[in-house]
Amino acid sequence: MTTPVRSSSPATRPPATRPPTVLRGPAIRGSAGGTGIGVGLVLAGAVSVQFGSAFAALLFPRAGALGTVALRVTLAASLLLLVTRPRLRGYTRGDWAVACGFGLALGGMNILFYQAIDRIALGPAVTLEALGPLLLSVVVSRRRATVLWAALALAGVCLLGRGGFGRLDLTGTAFALGAGVMWAAYILFSTRAGARFPRLDGLAIAMAVAALVSLPLGVGTAGAALLEPGVLGLGLAIAVLSSGVPYALELLALRRLPAATFAVLTSLAPALAALAGYLVLDQALSLPQCAAIAMVVTAGAGAVRTGTR
């Protein structure tokens, strides 16, 4: 699930939006043609993330939610460490504290999100998760207009749970909201890591920490099933779809788009998640649920535009 993109390190997710008001590092503005390409790259990356989450749910019957997230994070960390080869010397205790906090937030975000989509549909899960970054955007912006956008998002969530959140599964709803809290923490640590570590080093170290957190949980629940060729193959595909492809596309997109434009586009994540859930997992949503997701998407985009003025 998704997000926050810095000039030094792309966001990591799972599955979801990447809140704009806390973006660091100016994006390079290009020509009109370059902007169009940038928009396409962002949307392609967002689609990759959400469909990666949908395919992850297909692995749950064989490896469980914890086993799947362990595979995704561990394989993604391995690929990232192999590509970046981060420098491990010369950092202070404060730097390592930030990297470990970043990794714990990243691991917690993914663990909670996968627990959520094991219980509720992908679209509602991403919508609920997006409330964490949206709330952070409101706090950071300190503008009255953002309060109105937050109210619209809250109305959307109330509509999403119309008739009682029990229909969505109360536990799944709690996991999705918890993932949103961890996502907000991830954003804060991500920004600090981007200022302390060069290139993608901070992200690579954080992914390794997240793998150390998630792998024991996955092994404890899935055991030897994680080593089955089919499970490993699908786990690698999920890692590439949810991490590798989006990182590369985001880096290319940020060379062509202003950060605010990038952020507005990634606010579409709940809608893309609903589409992925429908096409891959046959998770049809009711008209009120679709309206609720649209309200949260609009609120996210509106908060971004307000916060960047």
C-alpha atoms as a PDB file:
ATOM      1  CA  MET A   1       0.000   0.000   0.000  1.00  0.00           C
ATOM      2  CA  THR A   2       0.953   3.011  -0.743  1.00  0.00           C
ATOM      3  CA  THR A   3       3.389   6.478  -0.520  1.00  0.00           C
ATOM      4  CA  PRO A   4       5.354  10.608   0.332  1.00  0.00           C
ATOM      5  CA  VAL A   5       8.000  10.915  -2.214  1.00  0.00           C
ATOM      6  CA  ARG A   6      11.274  12.607  -1.664  1.00  0.00           C
ATOM      7  CA  SER A   7      14.003  13.500  -4.018  1.00  0.00           C
ATOM      8  CA  SER A   8      16.226  10.926  -2.343  1.00  0.00           C
ATOM      9  CA  SER A   9      13.877   7.991  -1.892  1.00  0.00           C
ATOM     10  CA  PRO A  10      10.543   6.839  -3.349  1.00  0.00           C
ATOM     11  CA  ALA A  11       7.720   5.808  -1.119  1.00  0.00           C
ATOM     12  CA  THR A  12       7.019   2.232  -0.267  1.00  0.00           C
ATOM     13  CA  ARG A  13       3.442   0.660  -0.120  1.00  0.00           C
ATOM     14  CA  PRO A  14       1.364  -1.228  -0.223  1.00  0.00           C
ATOM     15  CA  PRO A  15      -1.054  -0.397  -1.076  1.00  0.00           C
ATOM     16  CA  ALA A  16      -2.400   2.997  -1.218  1.00  0.00           C
ATOM     17  CA  THR A  17      -2.162   6.794  -1.649  1.00  0.00           C
ATOM     18  CA  ARG A  18       0.915   8.824  -0.898  1.00  0.00           C
ATOM     19  CA  PRO A  19      -0.024  12.003   0.904  1.00  0.00           C
ATOM     20  CA  PRO A  20       1.127  15.058  -0.737  1.00  0.00           C
ATOM     21  CA  THR A  21       1.368  17.770   1.833  1.00  0.00           C
ATOM     22  CA  VAL A  22       4.414  16.180   3.372  1.00  0.00           C
ATOM     23  CA  LEU A  23       6.318  15.659   0.153  1.00  0.00           C
ATOM     24  CA  ARG A  24       9.900  16.789   0.162  1.00  0.00           C
ATOM     25  CA  GLY A  25      12.156  17.729  -2.680  1.00  0.00           C
ATOM     26  CA  PRO A  26      10.978  19.751  -5.670  1.00  0.00           C
ATOM     27  CA  ALA A  27      10.034  17.899  -8.770  1.00  0.00           C
ATOM     28  CA  ILE A  28      11.483  19.015 -12.068  1.00  0.00           C
ATOM     29  CA  ARG A  29       8.915  20.610 -14.326  1.00  0.00           C
ATOM     30  CA  GLY A  30       9.089  19.527 -17.918  1.00  0.00           C
ATOM     31  CA  SER A  31       7.355  20.332 -21.178  1.00  0.00           C
ATOM     32  CA  ALA A  32       3.693  19.652 -21.816  1.00  0.00           C
ATOM     33  CA  GLY A  33       4.653  16.362 -23.439  1.00  0.00           C
ATOM     34  CA  GLY A  34       6.862  15.486 -20.484  1.00  0.00           C
ATOM     35  CA  THR A  35       3.994  16.245 -18.127  1.00  0.00           C
ATOM     36  CA  GLY A  36       1.709  13.908 -20.026  1.00  0.00           C
ATOM     37  CA  ILE A  37       4.295  11.143 -19.816  1.00  0.00           C
ATOM     38  CA  GLY A  38       4.723  11.853 -16.105  1.00  0.00           C
ATOM     39  CA  VAL A  39       0.994  11.510 -15.497  1.00  0.00           C
ATOM     40  CA  GLY A  40       0.999   8.198 -17.317  1.00  0.00           C
ATOM     41  CA  LEU A  41       3.934   6.940 -15.258  1.00  0.00           C
ATOM     42  CA  VAL A  42       2.248   7.864 -11.966  1.00  0.00           C
ATOM     43  CA  LEU A  43      -0.996   6.166 -12.928  1.00  0.00           C
ATOM     44  CA  ALA A  44       0.851   3.068 -14.138  1.00  0.00           C
ATOM     45  CA  GLY A  45       2.715   2.873 -10.837  1.00  0.00           C
ATOM     46  CA  ALA A  46      -0.493   3.285  -8.835  1.00  0.00           C
ATOM     47  CA  VAL A  47      -2.213   0.568 -10.862  1.00  0.00           C
ATOM     48  CA  SER A  48       0.778  -1.726 -10.287  1.00  0.00           C
ATOM     49  CA  VAL A  49       0.598  -1.214  -6.510  1.00  0.00           C
ATOM     50  CA  GLN A  50      -3.117  -1.897  -6.248  1.00  0.00           C
ATOM     51  CA  PHE A  51      -3.104  -4.914  -8.541  1.00  0.00           C
ATOM     52  CA  GLY A  52      -0.097  -6.204  -6.599  1.00  0.00           C
ATOM     53  CA  SER A  53      -2.236  -6.073  -3.456  1.00  0.00           C
ATOM     54  CA  ALA A  54      -5.083  -7.837  -5.244  1.00  0.00           C
ATOM     55  CA  PHE A  55      -2.782 -10.657  -6.386  1.00  0.00           C
ATOM     56  CA  ALA A  56      -1.406 -10.853  -2.848  1.00  0.00           C
ATOM     57  CA  ALA A  57      -4.897 -11.728  -1.616  1.00  0.00           C
ATOM     58  CA  LEU A  58      -4.872 -14.707  -3.997  1.00  0.00           C
ATOM     59  CA  LEU A  59      -1.905 -16.090  -2.068  1.00  0.00           C
ATOM     60  CA  PHE A  60      -3.653 -15.915   1.313  1.00  0.00           C
ATOM     61  CA  PRO A  61      -5.216 -19.419   1.094  1.00  0.00           C
ATOM     62  CA  ARG A  62      -1.754 -20.954   0.611  1.00  0.00           C
ATOM     63  CA  ALA A  63       0.507 -18.757   2.750  1.00  0.00           C
ATOM     64  CA  GLY A  64      -1.870 -16.728   4.909  1.00  0.00           C
ATOM     65  CA  ALA A  65      -1.836 -12.946   5.260  1.00  0.00           C
ATOM     66  CA  LEU A  66       1.275 -12.905   7.466  1.00  0.00           C
ATOM     67  CA  GLY A  67       3.120 -15.345   5.218  1.00  0.00           C
ATOM     68  CA  THR A  68       2.281 -13.282   2.148  1.00  0.00           C
ATOM     69  CA  VAL A  69       3.452 -10.005   3.641  1.00  0.00           C
ATOM     70  CA  ALA A  70       6.639 -11.711   4.849  1.00  0.00           C
ATOM     71  CA  LEU A  71       7.359 -12.917   1.319  1.00  0.00           C
ATOM     72  CA  ARG A  72       6.598  -9.556  -0.250  1.00  0.00           C
ATOM     73  CA  VAL A  73       8.673  -7.481   2.180  1.00  0.00           C
ATOM     74  CA  THR A  74      11.592  -9.926   2.385  1.00  0.00           C
ATOM     75  CA  LEU A  75      11.888 -10.377  -1.370  1.00  0.00           C
ATOM     76  CA  ALA A  76      11.501  -6.642  -1.991  1.00  0.00           C
ATOM     77  CA  ALA A  77      14.164  -5.915   0.638  1.00  0.00           C
ATOM     78  CA  SER A  78      16.520  -8.443  -0.931  1.00  0.00           C
ATOM     79  CA  LEU A  79      16.101  -6.908  -4.378  1.00  0.00           C
ATOM     80  CA  LEU A  80      16.519  -3.387  -3.044  1.00  0.00           C
ATOM     81  CA  LEU A  81      19.647  -4.258  -1.046  1.00  0.00           C
ATOM     82  CA  LEU A  82      21.112  -6.000  -4.083  1.00  0.00           C
ATOM     83  CA  VAL A  83      20.493  -3.018  -6.343  1.00  0.00           C
ATOM     84  CA  THR A  84      21.389  -0.160  -3.982  1.00  0.00           C
ATOM     85  CA  ARG A  85      24.169  -1.778  -1.888  1.00  0.00           C
ATOM     86  CA  PRO A  86      23.666   0.818   0.874  1.00  0.00           C
ATOM     87  CA  ARG A  87      26.614   2.149   2.854  1.00  0.00           C
ATOM     88  CA  LEU A  88      26.351   1.035   6.489  1.00  0.00           C
ATOM     89  CA  ARG A  89      29.194   3.008   8.074  1.00  0.00           C
ATOM     90  CA  GLY A  90      29.459   6.618   9.088  1.00  0.00           C
ATOM     91  CA  TYR A  91      25.975   7.069  10.534  1.00  0.00           C
ATOM     92  CA  THR A  92      25.095   8.338  14.007  1.00  0.00           C
ATOM     93  CA  ARG A  93      22.832   6.676  16.546  1.00  0.00           C
ATOM     94  CA  GLY A  94      20.164   9.195  15.582  1.00  0.00           C
ATOM     95  CA  ASP A  95      20.435   8.124  11.943  1.00  0.00           C
ATOM     96  CA  TRP A  96      19.999   4.464  12.893  1.00  0.00           C
ATOM     97  CA  ALA A  97      17.084   5.322  15.164  1.00  0.00           C
ATOM     98  CA  VAL A  98      15.342   7.023  12.236  1.00  0.00           C
ATOM     99  CA  ALA A  99      16.080   4.083   9.911  1.00  0.00           C
ATOM    100  CA  CYS A 100      14.746   1.575  12.449  1.00  0.00           C
ATOM    101  CA  GLY A 101      11.640   3.688  13.093  1.00  0.00           C
ATOM    102  CA  PHE A 102      11.135   3.928   9.342  1.00  0.00           C
ATOM    103  CA  GLY A 103      11.407   0.149   9.030  1.00  0.00           C
ATOM    104  CA  LEU A 104       9.056  -0.549  11.938  1.00  0.00           C
ATOM    105  CA  ALA A 105       6.456   1.811  10.471  1.00  0.00           C
ATOM    106  CA  LEU A 106       6.876   0.222   7.054  1.00  0.00           C
ATOM    107  CA  GLY A 107       6.600  -3.312   8.416  1.00  0.00           C
ATOM    108  CA  GLY A 108       3.645  -2.465  10.646  1.00  0.00           C
ATOM    109  CA  MET A 109       1.838  -0.723   7.797  1.00  0.00           C
ATOM    110  CA  ASN A 110       2.141  -3.751   5.526  1.00  0.00           C
ATOM    111  CA  ILE A 111       1.279  -6.311   8.220  1.00  0.00           C
ATOM    112  CA  LEU A 112      -1.849  -4.445   9.297  1.00  0.00           C
ATOM    113  CA  PHE A 113      -2.945  -3.735   5.727  1.00  0.00           C
ATOM    114  CA  TYR A 114      -2.647  -7.375   4.662  1.00  0.00           C
ATOM    115  CA  GLN A 115      -4.598  -8.394   7.752  1.00  0.00           C
ATOM    116  CA  ALA A 116      -7.269  -5.926   6.655  1.00  0.00           C
ATOM    117  CA  ILE A 117      -7.618  -7.160   3.070  1.00  0.00           C
ATOM    118  CA  ASP A 118      -7.834 -10.715   4.411  1.00  0.00           C
ATOM    119  CA  ARG A 119     -11.129  -9.660   6.015  1.00  0.00           C
ATOM    120  CA  ILE A 120     -12.635  -6.837   3.936  1.00  0.00           C
ATOM    121  CA  ALA A 121     -12.629  -5.878   0.270  1.00  0.00           C
ATOM    122  CA  LEU A 122      -9.580  -4.131  -1.156  1.00  0.00           C
ATOM    123  CA  GLY A 123     -11.372  -0.889  -2.098  1.00  0.00           C
ATOM    124  CA  PRO A 124     -12.833  -0.176   1.357  1.00  0.00           C
ATOM    125  CA  ALA A 125      -9.562  -1.236   3.016  1.00  0.00           C
ATOM    126  CA  VAL A 126      -7.515   1.280   1.037  1.00  0.00           C
ATOM    127  CA  THR A 127     -10.175   3.936   1.592  1.00  0.00           C
ATOM    128  CA  LEU A 128     -10.045   3.483   5.363  1.00  0.00           C
ATOM    129  CA  GLU A 129      -6.253   3.339   5.332  1.00  0.00           C
ATOM    130  CA  ALA A 130      -6.087   6.625   3.417  1.00  0.00           C
ATOM    131  CA  LEU A 131      -7.594   8.434   6.403  1.00  0.00           C
ATOM    132  CA  GLY A 132      -4.238   8.299   8.208  1.00  0.00           C
ATOM    133  CA  PRO A 133      -2.324  10.295   5.584  1.00  0.00           C
ATOM    134  CA  LEU A 134      -5.309  12.587   5.069  1.00  0.00           C
ATOM    135  CA  LEU A 135      -5.424  13.429   8.786  1.00  0.00           C
ATOM    136  CA  LEU A 136      -1.687  14.091   8.716  1.00  0.00           C
ATOM    137  CA  SER A 137      -2.180  16.419   5.738  1.00  0.00           C
ATOM    138  CA  VAL A 138      -4.815  18.355   7.679  1.00  0.00           C
ATOM    139  CA  VAL A 139      -2.537  18.714  10.715  1.00  0.00           C
ATOM    140  CA  VAL A 140       0.472  19.778   8.659  1.00  0.00           C
ATOM    141  CA  SER A 141      -1.464  22.246   6.505  1.00  0.00           C
ATOM    142  CA  ARG A 142      -3.176  24.085   9.390  1.00  0.00           C
ATOM    143  CA  ARG A 143      -5.653  25.635   6.960  1.00  0.00           C
ATOM    144  CA  ARG A 144      -9.355  25.890   7.645  1.00  0.00           C
ATOM    145  CA  ALA A 145     -10.247  24.534   4.231  1.00  0.00           C
ATOM    146  CA  THR A 146      -8.502  21.253   4.995  1.00  0.00           C
ATOM    147  CA  VAL A 147     -10.910  20.706   7.875  1.00  0.00           C
ATOM    148  CA  LEU A 148     -13.757  20.764   5.352  1.00  0.00           C
ATOM    149  CA  TRP A 149     -11.966  18.157   3.245  1.00  0.00           C
ATOM    150  CA  ALA A 150     -11.464  16.021   6.337  1.00  0.00           C
ATOM    151  CA  ALA A 151     -15.186  16.326   7.091  1.00  0.00           C
ATOM    152  CA  LEU A 152     -15.971  15.148   3.551  1.00  0.00           C
ATOM    153  CA  ALA A 153     -13.684  12.149   4.045  1.00  0.00           C
ATOM    154  CA  LEU A 154     -15.363  11.359   7.361  1.00  0.00           C
ATOM    155  CA  ALA A 155     -18.764  11.537   5.683  1.00  0.00           C
ATOM    156  CA  GLY A 156     -17.482   9.114   3.065  1.00  0.00           C
ATOM    157  CA  VAL A 157     -16.332   6.687   5.741  1.00  0.00           C
ATOM    158  CA  CYS A 158     -19.707   6.918   7.487  1.00  0.00           C
ATOM    159  CA  LEU A 159     -21.373   6.121   4.177  1.00  0.00           C
ATOM    160  CA  LEU A 160     -18.949   3.246   3.638  1.00  0.00           C
ATOM    161  CA  GLY A 161     -20.019   1.754   6.948  1.00  0.00           C
ATOM    162  CA  ARG A 162     -23.716   2.508   6.467  1.00  0.00           C
ATOM    163  CA  GLY A 163     -25.747  -0.001   8.435  1.00  0.00           C
ATOM    164  CA  GLY A 164     -22.821  -0.661  10.780  1.00  0.00           C
ATOM    165  CA  PHE A 165     -19.157  -1.386  10.220  1.00  0.00           C
ATOM    166  CA  GLY A 166     -19.894  -4.961  11.182  1.00  0.00           C
ATOM    167  CA  ARG A 167     -20.858  -5.505   7.546  1.00  0.00           C
ATOM    168  CA  LEU A 168     -17.287  -4.700   6.618  1.00  0.00           C
ATOM    169  CA  ASP A 169     -16.021  -6.867   9.488  1.00  0.00           C
ATOM    170  CA  LEU A 170     -15.115  -4.860  12.563  1.00  0.00           C
ATOM    171  CA  THR A 171     -11.694  -6.479  12.937  1.00  0.00           C
ATOM    172  CA  GLY A 172     -10.792  -5.828   9.304  1.00  0.00           C
ATOM    173  CA  THR A 173     -11.901  -2.224   9.654  1.00  0.00           C
ATOM    174  CA  ALA A 174      -9.718  -1.807  12.754  1.00  0.00           C
ATOM    175  CA  PHE A 175      -6.724  -3.285  10.923  1.00  0.00           C
ATOM    176  CA  ALA A 176      -7.230  -0.892   7.987  1.00  0.00           C
ATOM    177  CA  LEU A 177      -7.443   2.121  10.301  1.00  0.00           C
ATOM    178  CA  GLY A 178      -4.347   0.877  12.140  1.00  0.00           C
ATOM    179  CA  ALA A 179      -2.531   0.625   8.811  1.00  0.00           C
ATOM    180  CA  GLY A 180      -3.497   4.260   8.189  1.00  0.00           C
ATOM    181  CA  VAL A 181      -1.911   5.290  11.498  1.00  0.00           C
ATOM    182  CA  MET A 182       1.261   3.413  10.590  1.00  0.00           C
ATOM    183  CA  TRP A 183       1.209   5.010   7.153  1.00  0.00           C
ATOM    184  CA  ALA A 184       1.192   8.456   8.742  1.00  0.00           C
ATOM    185  CA  ALA A 185       4.157   7.388  10.917  1.00  0.00           C
ATOM    186  CA  TYR A 186       5.855   6.015   7.810  1.00  0.00           C
ATOM    187  CA  ILE A 187       5.531   9.378   6.097  1.00  0.00           C
ATOM    188  CA  LEU A 188       7.160  11.226   8.977  1.00  0.00           C
ATOM    189  CA  PHE A 189      10.058   8.752   9.243  1.00  0.00           C
ATOM    190  CA  SER A 190      10.383   8.607   5.463  1.00  0.00           C
ATOM    191  CA  THR A 191      10.912  12.354   5.299  1.00  0.00           C
ATOM    192  CA  ARG A 192      13.574  12.237   8.011  1.00  0.00           C
ATOM    193  CA  ALA A 193      15.322   9.260   6.430  1.00  0.00           C
ATOM    194  CA  GLY A 194      15.427  11.056   3.101  1.00  0.00           C
ATOM    195  CA  ALA A 195      17.310  13.915   4.756  1.00  0.00           C
ATOM    196  CA  ARG A 196      19.812  11.647   6.550  1.00  0.00           C
ATOM    197  CA  PHE A 197      20.584   8.927   3.988  1.00  0.00           C
ATOM    198  CA  PRO A 198      21.764   9.312   0.385  1.00  0.00           C
ATOM    199  CA  ARG A 199      20.014   7.836  -2.639  1.00  0.00           C
ATOM    200  CA  LEU A 200      17.812   4.878  -1.693  1.00  0.00           C
ATOM    201  CA  ASP A 201      19.999   3.792   1.230  1.00  0.00           C
ATOM    202  CA  GLY A 202      17.490   4.776   3.920  1.00  0.00           C
ATOM    203  CA  LEU A 203      14.686   2.938   2.161  1.00  0.00           C
ATOM    204  CA  ALA A 204      16.823  -0.178   1.645  1.00  0.00           C
ATOM    205  CA  ILE A 205      17.805  -0.295   5.330  1.00  0.00           C
ATOM    206  CA  ALA A 206      14.200   0.303   6.396  1.00  0.00           C
ATOM    207  CA  MET A 207      12.991  -2.508   4.139  1.00  0.00           C
ATOM    208  CA  ALA A 208      15.541  -4.823   5.749  1.00  0.00           C
ATOM    209  CA  VAL A 209      14.227  -3.883   9.210  1.00  0.00           C
ATOM    210  CA  ALA A 210      10.651  -4.476   8.018  1.00  0.00           C
ATOM    211  CA  ALA A 211      11.710  -7.899   6.720  1.00  0.00           C
ATOM    212  CA  LEU A 212      13.231  -8.787  10.093  1.00  0.00           C
ATOM    213  CA  VAL A 213       9.908  -7.886  11.714  1.00  0.00           C
ATOM    214  CA  SER A 214       7.596  -9.652   9.285  1.00  0.00           C
ATOM    215  CA  LEU A 215       9.591 -12.772   8.415  1.00  0.00           C
ATOM    216  CA  PRO A 216       9.339 -14.483  11.840  1.00  0.00           C
ATOM    217  CA  LEU A 217       5.583 -13.878  11.860  1.00  0.00           C
ATOM    218  CA  GLY A 218       5.244 -15.324   8.368  1.00  0.00           C
ATOM    219  CA  VAL A 219       7.374 -18.377   9.117  1.00  0.00           C
ATOM    220  CA  GLY A 220       5.480 -18.949  12.348  1.00  0.00           C
ATOM    221  CA  THR A 221       2.114 -19.067  10.581  1.00  0.00           C
ATOM    222  CA  ALA A 222       2.915 -20.448   7.116  1.00  0.00           C
ATOM    223  CA  GLY A 223       6.011 -22.539   7.839  1.00  0.00           C
ATOM    224  CA  ALA A 224       7.378 -24.609   4.952  1.00  0.00           C
ATOM    225  CA  ALA A 225       4.595 -23.395   2.640  1.00  0.00           C
ATOM    226  CA  LEU A 226       6.689 -20.260   2.026  1.00  0.00           C
ATOM    227  CA  LEU A 227       9.325 -22.391   0.276  1.00  0.00           C
ATOM    228  CA  GLU A 228       6.945 -23.977  -2.237  1.00  0.00           C
ATOM    229  CA  PRO A 229       7.967 -22.954  -5.783  1.00  0.00           C
ATOM    230  CA  GLY A 230       4.493 -21.676  -6.662  1.00  0.00           C
ATOM    231  CA  VAL A 231       4.264 -19.594  -3.489  1.00  0.00           C
ATOM    232  CA  LEU A 232       7.761 -18.176  -3.968  1.00  0.00           C
ATOM    233  CA  GLY A 233       7.042 -17.342  -7.598  1.00  0.00           C
ATOM    234  CA  LEU A 234       3.831 -15.502  -6.825  1.00  0.00           C
ATOM    235  CA  GLY A 235       5.518 -13.803  -3.859  1.00  0.00           C
ATOM    236  CA  LEU A 236       8.256 -12.508  -6.148  1.00  0.00           C
ATOM    237  CA  ALA A 237       5.673 -11.235  -8.629  1.00  0.00           C
ATOM    238  CA  ILE A 238       3.860  -9.422  -5.803  1.00  0.00           C
ATOM    239  CA  ALA A 239       7.127  -7.879  -4.596  1.00  0.00           C
ATOM    240  CA  VAL A 240       7.900  -6.607  -8.094  1.00  0.00           C
ATOM    241  CA  LEU A 241       4.365  -5.317  -8.719  1.00  0.00           C
ATOM    242  CA  SER A 242       3.980  -3.676  -5.304  1.00  0.00           C
ATOM    243  CA  SER A 243       7.522  -2.368  -4.873  1.00  0.00           C
ATOM    244  CA  GLY A 244       9.962  -2.672  -7.777  1.00  0.00           C
ATOM    245  CA  VAL A 245       7.843  -1.356 -10.659  1.00  0.00           C
ATOM    246  CA  PRO A 246       6.214   1.527  -8.701  1.00  0.00           C
ATOM    247  CA  TYR A 247       9.585   2.759  -7.348  1.00  0.00           C
ATOM    248  CA  ALA A 248      11.086   2.946 -10.826  1.00  0.00           C
ATOM    249  CA  LEU A 249       8.031   4.630 -12.350  1.00  0.00           C
ATOM    250  CA  GLU A 250       7.803   7.179  -9.522  1.00  0.00           C
ATOM    251  CA  LEU A 251      11.433   8.182  -9.905  1.00  0.00           C
ATOM    252  CA  LEU A 252      10.888   8.749 -13.624  1.00  0.00           C
ATOM    253  CA  ALA A 253       7.607  10.608 -13.032  1.00  0.00           C
ATOM    254  CA  LEU A 254       9.085  13.009 -10.476  1.00  0.00           C
ATOM    255  CA  ARG A 255      11.525  14.255 -13.099  1.00  0.00           C
ATOM    256  CA  ARG A 256       8.576  15.477 -15.140  1.00  0.00           C
ATOM    257  CA  LEU A 257       5.886  16.495 -12.626  1.00  0.00           C
ATOM    258  CA  PRO A 258       5.535  19.004  -9.786  1.00  0.00           C
ATOM    259  CA  ALA A 259       5.186  17.260  -6.426  1.00  0.00           C
ATOM    260  CA  ALA A 260       1.652  18.618  -5.942  1.00  0.00           C
ATOM    261  CA  THR A 261       0.481  17.137  -9.256  1.00  0.00           C
ATOM    262  CA  PHE A 262       2.039  13.816  -8.339  1.00  0.00           C
ATOM    263  CA  ALA A 263       0.246  13.844  -4.994  1.00  0.00           C
ATOM    264  CA  VAL A 264      -3.175  14.599  -6.487  1.00  0.00           C
ATOM    265  CA  LEU A 265      -2.794  11.710  -8.911  1.00  0.00           C
ATOM    266  CA  THR A 266      -1.888   9.269  -6.152  1.00  0.00           C
ATOM    267  CA  SER A 267      -5.047  10.306  -4.287  1.00  0.00           C
ATOM    268  CA  LEU A 268      -6.841   8.095  -6.789  1.00  0.00           C
ATOM    269  CA  ALA A 269      -5.531   4.989  -4.996  1.00  0.00           C
ATOM    270  CA  PRO A 270      -8.836   3.986  -3.298  1.00  0.00           C
ATOM    271  CA  ALA A 271     -10.644   4.055  -6.628  1.00  0.00           C
ATOM    272  CA  LEU A 272      -7.902   2.027  -8.328  1.00  0.00           C
ATOM    273  CA  ALA A 273      -7.965  -0.434  -5.423  1.00  0.00           C
ATOM    274  CA  ALA A 274     -11.713  -0.898  -5.868  1.00  0.00           C
ATOM    275  CA  LEU A 275     -11.159  -1.576  -9.573  1.00  0.00           C
ATOM    276  CA  ALA A 276      -8.385  -4.097  -8.848  1.00  0.00           C
ATOM    277  CA  GLY A 277     -10.544  -5.827  -6.243  1.00  0.00           C
ATOM    278  CA  TYR A 278     -13.392  -6.121  -8.734  1.00  0.00           C
ATOM    279  CA  LEU A 279     -11.293  -7.400 -11.658  1.00  0.00           C
ATOM    280  CA  VAL A 280      -8.946  -9.750  -9.786  1.00  0.00           C
ATOM    281  CA  LEU A 281     -10.916 -10.797  -6.715  1.00  0.00           C
ATOM    282  CA  ASP A 282     -14.500 -10.360  -7.984  1.00  0.00           C
ATOM    283  CA  GLN A 283     -15.202  -7.947  -5.110  1.00  0.00           C
ATOM    284  CA  ALA A 284     -18.216  -6.016  -6.335  1.00  0.00           C
ATOM    285  CA  LEU A 285     -19.115  -2.861  -4.396  1.00  0.00           C
ATOM    286  CA  SER A 286     -22.535  -1.355  -3.840  1.00  0.00           C
ATOM    287  CA  LEU A 287     -23.428   2.079  -5.202  1.00  0.00           C
ATOM    288  CA  PRO A 288     -23.169   3.704  -1.727  1.00  0.00           C
ATOM    289  CA  GLN A 289     -19.715   2.160  -1.243  1.00  0.00           C
ATOM    290  CA  CYS A 290     -18.582   3.505  -4.617  1.00  0.00           C
ATOM    291  CA  ALA A 291     -19.904   6.940  -3.652  1.00  0.00           C
ATOM    292  CA  ALA A 292     -18.062   6.712  -0.322  1.00  0.00           C
ATOM    293  CA  ILE A 293     -14.783   5.898  -2.067  1.00  0.00           C
ATOM    294  CA  ALA A 294     -15.331   8.805  -4.470  1.00  0.00           C
ATOM    295  CA  MET A 295     -15.859  11.146  -1.508  1.00  0.00           C
ATOM    296  CA  VAL A 296     -12.593  10.054   0.139  1.00  0.00           C
ATOM    297  CA  VAL A 297     -10.697  10.390  -3.157  1.00  0.00           C
ATOM    298  CA  THR A 298     -12.117  13.900  -3.636  1.00  0.00           C
ATOM    299  CA  ALA A 299     -11.237  14.827  -0.062  1.00  0.00           C
ATOM    300  CA  GLY A 300      -7.672  13.589  -0.488  1.00  0.00           C
ATOM    301  CA  ALA A 301      -7.168  15.513  -3.714  1.00  0.00           C
ATOM    302  CA  GLY A 302      -8.785  18.624  -2.243  1.00  0.00           C
ATOM    303  CA  ALA A 303      -6.620  18.516   0.873  1.00  0.00           C
ATOM    304  CA  VAL A 304      -3.543  18.239  -1.313  1.00  0.00           C
ATOM    305  CA  ARG A 305      -4.500  21.226  -3.439  1.00  0.00           C
ATOM    306  CA  THR A 306      -5.313  23.298  -0.368  1.00  0.00           C
ATOM    307  CA  GLY A 307      -2.117  22.357   1.433  1.00  0.00           C
ATOM    308  CA  THR A 308       0.140  23.241  -1.488  1.00  0.00           C
ATOM    309  CA  ARG A 309      -1.234  26.744  -2.093  1.00  0.00           C
END
